[in-house]
């Protein structure tokens, strides 16, 4: 259920971004993702997600910090050009 919601949001964002391209029609069959969704559901059932959540949060926060530092460094390097 959670994975299906995430995939719906992702495809909604992709559809909004590709809306100006009405000439090209992208059709995604939802049945093609059924095995992937079932595999993820089984993995989430078997993996102790509550115990692994702090590790996941730490990993995501470190990646966000690295991205923020890279953006700041890029802007700082571009300042003499501006």
N, C-alpha and C. Protein backbone atom coordinates (compact mmCIF):
# COMPACT_ATOMS: atom_id res chain seq x y z
N UNK A 1 0.83 -1.18 0.00
CA UNK A 1 0.00 0.00 0.00
C UNK A 1 0.88 1.25 0.00
N UNK A 2 1.92 1.26 0.80
CA UNK A 2 2.81 2.41 0.88
C UNK A 2 3.60 2.56 -0.42
N UNK A 3 4.08 1.46 -0.95
CA UNK A 3 4.85 1.49 -2.19
C UNK A 3 3.97 1.95 -3.35
N UNK A 4 2.74 1.47 -3.37
CA UNK A 4 1.81 1.88 -4.41
C UNK A 4 1.54 3.38 -4.35
N UNK A 5 1.43 3.92 -3.16
CA UNK A 5 1.23 5.36 -3.00
C UNK A 5 2.44 6.15 -3.47
N UNK A 6 3.64 5.66 -3.15
CA UNK A 6 4.86 6.34 -3.59
C UNK A 6 4.97 6.31 -5.11
N UNK A 7 4.68 5.15 -5.73
CA UNK A 7 4.74 5.07 -7.17
C UNK A 7 3.68 5.95 -7.82
N UNK A 8 2.52 6.09 -7.22
CA UNK A 8 1.48 6.97 -7.75
C UNK A 8 1.95 8.42 -7.72
N UNK A 9 2.59 8.82 -6.63
CA UNK A 9 3.11 10.19 -6.54
C UNK A 9 4.20 10.43 -7.58
N UNK A 10 5.10 9.46 -7.74
CA UNK A 10 6.19 9.61 -8.72
C UNK A 10 5.62 9.73 -10.12
N UNK A 11 4.68 8.87 -10.49
CA UNK A 11 4.11 8.94 -11.83
C UNK A 11 3.27 10.20 -12.00
N UNK A 12 2.65 10.69 -10.94
CA UNK A 12 1.93 11.95 -11.02
C UNK A 12 2.86 13.10 -11.31
N UNK A 13 4.01 13.14 -10.65
CA UNK A 13 4.99 14.20 -10.91
C UNK A 13 5.53 14.09 -12.32
N UNK A 14 5.81 12.87 -12.78
CA UNK A 14 6.31 12.69 -14.14
C UNK A 14 5.25 13.14 -15.15
N UNK A 15 3.98 12.82 -14.91
CA UNK A 15 2.93 13.25 -15.82
C UNK A 15 2.80 14.77 -15.85
N UNK A 16 2.96 15.43 -14.71
CA UNK A 16 2.88 16.88 -14.68
C UNK A 16 4.05 17.49 -15.46
N UNK A 17 5.25 16.92 -15.28
CA UNK A 17 6.41 17.44 -15.98
C UNK A 17 6.33 17.22 -17.49
N UNK A 18 5.71 16.12 -17.90
CA UNK A 18 5.62 15.79 -19.32
C UNK A 18 4.33 16.27 -19.97
N UNK A 19 3.52 17.01 -19.23
CA UNK A 19 2.24 17.47 -19.77
C UNK A 19 2.40 18.33 -21.03
N UNK A 20 3.45 19.20 -21.13
CA UNK A 20 3.58 19.97 -22.37
C UNK A 20 3.85 19.11 -23.60
N UNK A 21 4.28 17.90 -23.43
CA UNK A 21 4.56 17.01 -24.56
C UNK A 21 3.33 16.17 -24.89
N UNK A 22 2.27 16.80 -25.34
CA UNK A 22 1.05 16.07 -25.66
C UNK A 22 1.19 15.25 -26.93
N UNK A 23 2.22 15.54 -27.74
CA UNK A 23 2.43 14.78 -28.96
C UNK A 23 2.83 13.35 -28.63
N UNK A 24 3.64 13.19 -27.60
CA UNK A 24 4.10 11.87 -27.19
C UNK A 24 3.19 11.37 -26.08
N UNK A 25 2.67 10.18 -26.25
CA UNK A 25 1.76 9.62 -25.26
C UNK A 25 2.46 8.47 -24.55
N UNK A 26 2.77 8.68 -23.27
CA UNK A 26 3.38 7.64 -22.46
C UNK A 26 2.29 6.90 -21.71
N UNK A 27 2.20 5.61 -21.95
CA UNK A 27 1.21 4.79 -21.27
C UNK A 27 1.96 3.77 -20.44
N UNK A 28 1.70 3.77 -19.14
CA UNK A 28 2.35 2.83 -18.24
C UNK A 28 1.30 1.86 -17.73
N UNK A 29 1.52 0.60 -17.99
CA UNK A 29 0.60 -0.42 -17.54
C UNK A 29 0.90 -0.73 -16.07
N UNK A 30 -0.07 -0.55 -15.21
CA UNK A 30 0.13 -0.75 -13.78
C UNK A 30 0.38 -2.23 -13.45
N UNK A 31 -0.07 -3.13 -14.30
CA UNK A 31 0.16 -4.56 -14.04
C UNK A 31 1.63 -4.94 -14.20
N UNK A 32 2.38 -4.12 -14.91
CA UNK A 32 3.80 -4.42 -15.08
C UNK A 32 4.56 -4.26 -13.76
N UNK A 33 4.06 -3.43 -12.87
CA UNK A 33 4.74 -3.18 -11.60
C UNK A 33 4.25 -4.11 -10.48
N UNK A 34 3.32 -4.96 -10.77
CA UNK A 34 2.76 -5.85 -9.74
C UNK A 34 3.81 -6.76 -9.12
N UNK A 35 4.70 -7.41 -9.91
CA UNK A 35 5.73 -8.24 -9.27
C UNK A 35 6.69 -7.43 -8.42
N UNK A 36 7.02 -6.22 -8.86
CA UNK A 36 7.92 -5.37 -8.09
C UNK A 36 7.27 -4.98 -6.77
N UNK A 37 6.00 -4.61 -6.82
CA UNK A 37 5.28 -4.21 -5.60
C UNK A 37 5.16 -5.40 -4.65
N UNK A 38 4.90 -6.59 -5.19
CA UNK A 38 4.80 -7.77 -4.34
C UNK A 38 6.15 -8.10 -3.69
N UNK A 39 7.24 -7.95 -4.44
CA UNK A 39 8.56 -8.21 -3.89
C UNK A 39 8.89 -7.21 -2.78
N UNK A 40 8.58 -5.95 -2.99
CA UNK A 40 8.85 -4.93 -1.97
C UNK A 40 7.98 -5.18 -0.74
N UNK A 41 6.73 -5.56 -0.94
CA UNK A 41 5.87 -5.88 0.20
C UNK A 41 6.41 -7.05 1.00
N UNK A 42 6.91 -8.08 0.31
CA UNK A 42 7.48 -9.23 1.00
C UNK A 42 8.75 -8.83 1.76
N UNK A 43 9.59 -8.01 1.12
CA UNK A 43 10.82 -7.58 1.78
C UNK A 43 10.50 -6.74 3.01
N UNK A 44 9.52 -5.86 2.92
CA UNK A 44 9.15 -5.04 4.07
C UNK A 44 8.54 -5.89 5.19
N UNK A 45 7.92 -7.01 4.83
CA UNK A 45 7.36 -7.89 5.84
C UNK A 45 8.48 -8.65 6.57
N UNK A 46 9.52 -9.04 5.83
CA UNK A 46 10.58 -9.84 6.42
C UNK A 46 11.64 -9.02 7.15
N UNK A 47 11.91 -7.80 6.65
CA UNK A 47 12.96 -6.97 7.24
C UNK A 47 12.40 -6.21 8.43
N UNK A 48 13.10 -6.19 9.55
CA UNK A 48 12.63 -5.43 10.72
C UNK A 48 12.80 -3.93 10.48
N UNK A 49 11.83 -3.33 9.81
CA UNK A 49 11.96 -1.95 9.36
C UNK A 49 12.03 -0.97 10.52
N UNK A 50 11.32 -1.24 11.60
CA UNK A 50 11.33 -0.32 12.74
C UNK A 50 12.73 -0.22 13.36
N UNK A 51 13.45 -1.32 13.41
CA UNK A 51 14.79 -1.31 13.97
C UNK A 51 15.79 -0.67 13.02
N UNK A 52 15.54 -0.76 11.73
CA UNK A 52 16.46 -0.20 10.74
C UNK A 52 16.16 1.26 10.39
N UNK A 53 15.06 1.78 10.88
CA UNK A 53 14.68 3.15 10.55
C UNK A 53 15.71 4.19 10.97
N UNK A 54 16.34 4.12 12.16
CA UNK A 54 17.38 5.12 12.49
C UNK A 54 18.56 5.10 11.52
N UNK A 55 18.95 3.92 11.05
CA UNK A 55 20.04 3.84 10.09
C UNK A 55 19.62 4.49 8.77
N UNK A 56 18.41 4.22 8.35
CA UNK A 56 17.90 4.81 7.10
C UNK A 56 17.81 6.33 7.22
N UNK A 57 17.33 6.84 8.34
CA UNK A 57 17.22 8.28 8.54
C UNK A 57 18.60 8.92 8.55
N UNK A 58 19.56 8.27 9.20
CA UNK A 58 20.94 8.78 9.22
C UNK A 58 21.51 8.84 7.81
N UNK A 59 21.31 7.79 7.04
CA UNK A 59 21.82 7.74 5.67
C UNK A 59 21.21 8.84 4.81
N UNK A 60 19.90 9.00 4.88
CA UNK A 60 19.22 10.02 4.09
C UNK A 60 19.66 11.42 4.52
N UNK A 61 19.79 11.64 5.82
CA UNK A 61 20.20 12.97 6.28
C UNK A 61 21.64 13.28 5.86
N UNK A 62 22.52 12.29 5.87
CA UNK A 62 23.89 12.51 5.41
C UNK A 62 23.93 12.83 3.92
N UNK A 63 23.11 12.14 3.13
CA UNK A 63 23.06 12.43 1.70
C UNK A 63 22.51 13.83 1.44
N UNK A 64 21.49 14.23 2.19
CA UNK A 64 20.94 15.58 2.04
C UNK A 64 21.97 16.63 2.44
N UNK A 65 22.73 16.37 3.48
CA UNK A 65 23.78 17.29 3.90
C UNK A 65 24.86 17.41 2.82
N UNK A 66 25.26 16.29 2.23
CA UNK A 66 26.26 16.33 1.17
C UNK A 66 25.76 17.10 -0.04
N UNK A 67 24.50 16.92 -0.39
CA UNK A 67 23.93 17.66 -1.52
C UNK A 67 23.89 19.15 -1.20
N UNK A 68 23.50 19.51 0.01
CA UNK A 68 23.45 20.92 0.40
C UNK A 68 24.84 21.54 0.36
N UNK A 69 25.85 20.83 0.86
CA UNK A 69 27.22 21.35 0.83
C UNK A 69 27.69 21.51 -0.61
N UNK A 70 27.36 20.57 -1.47
CA UNK A 70 27.77 20.66 -2.88
C UNK A 70 27.11 21.86 -3.56
N UNK A 71 25.84 22.11 -3.25
CA UNK A 71 25.15 23.26 -3.84
C UNK A 71 25.77 24.56 -3.34
N UNK A 72 26.06 24.65 -2.05
CA UNK A 72 26.68 25.86 -1.51
C UNK A 72 28.06 26.07 -2.12
N UNK A 73 28.85 25.01 -2.25
CA UNK A 73 30.18 25.15 -2.86
C UNK A 73 30.08 25.58 -4.31
N UNK A 74 29.11 25.05 -5.04
CA UNK A 74 28.93 25.44 -6.44
C UNK A 74 28.54 26.90 -6.55
N UNK A 75 27.63 27.35 -5.72
CA UNK A 75 27.23 28.76 -5.73
C UNK A 75 28.41 29.63 -5.33
N UNK A 76 29.18 29.20 -4.34
CA UNK A 76 30.34 29.98 -3.89
C UNK A 76 31.39 30.10 -4.99
N UNK A 77 31.58 29.01 -5.76
CA UNK A 77 32.54 29.06 -6.87
C UNK A 77 32.04 29.94 -8.01
N UNK A 78 30.74 30.06 -8.18
CA UNK A 78 30.18 30.88 -9.25
C UNK A 78 30.11 32.35 -8.91
N UNK A 79 30.27 32.73 -7.65
CA UNK A 79 30.14 34.13 -7.25
C UNK A 79 31.12 35.06 -7.98
N UNK A 80 32.40 34.72 -8.17
CA UNK A 80 33.27 35.64 -8.91
C UNK A 80 32.83 35.85 -10.36
N UNK A 81 32.18 34.84 -10.94
CA UNK A 81 31.70 34.96 -12.31
C UNK A 81 30.54 35.94 -12.39
N UNK A 82 29.68 35.94 -11.38
CA UNK A 82 28.52 36.82 -11.39
C UNK A 82 28.98 38.23 -11.10
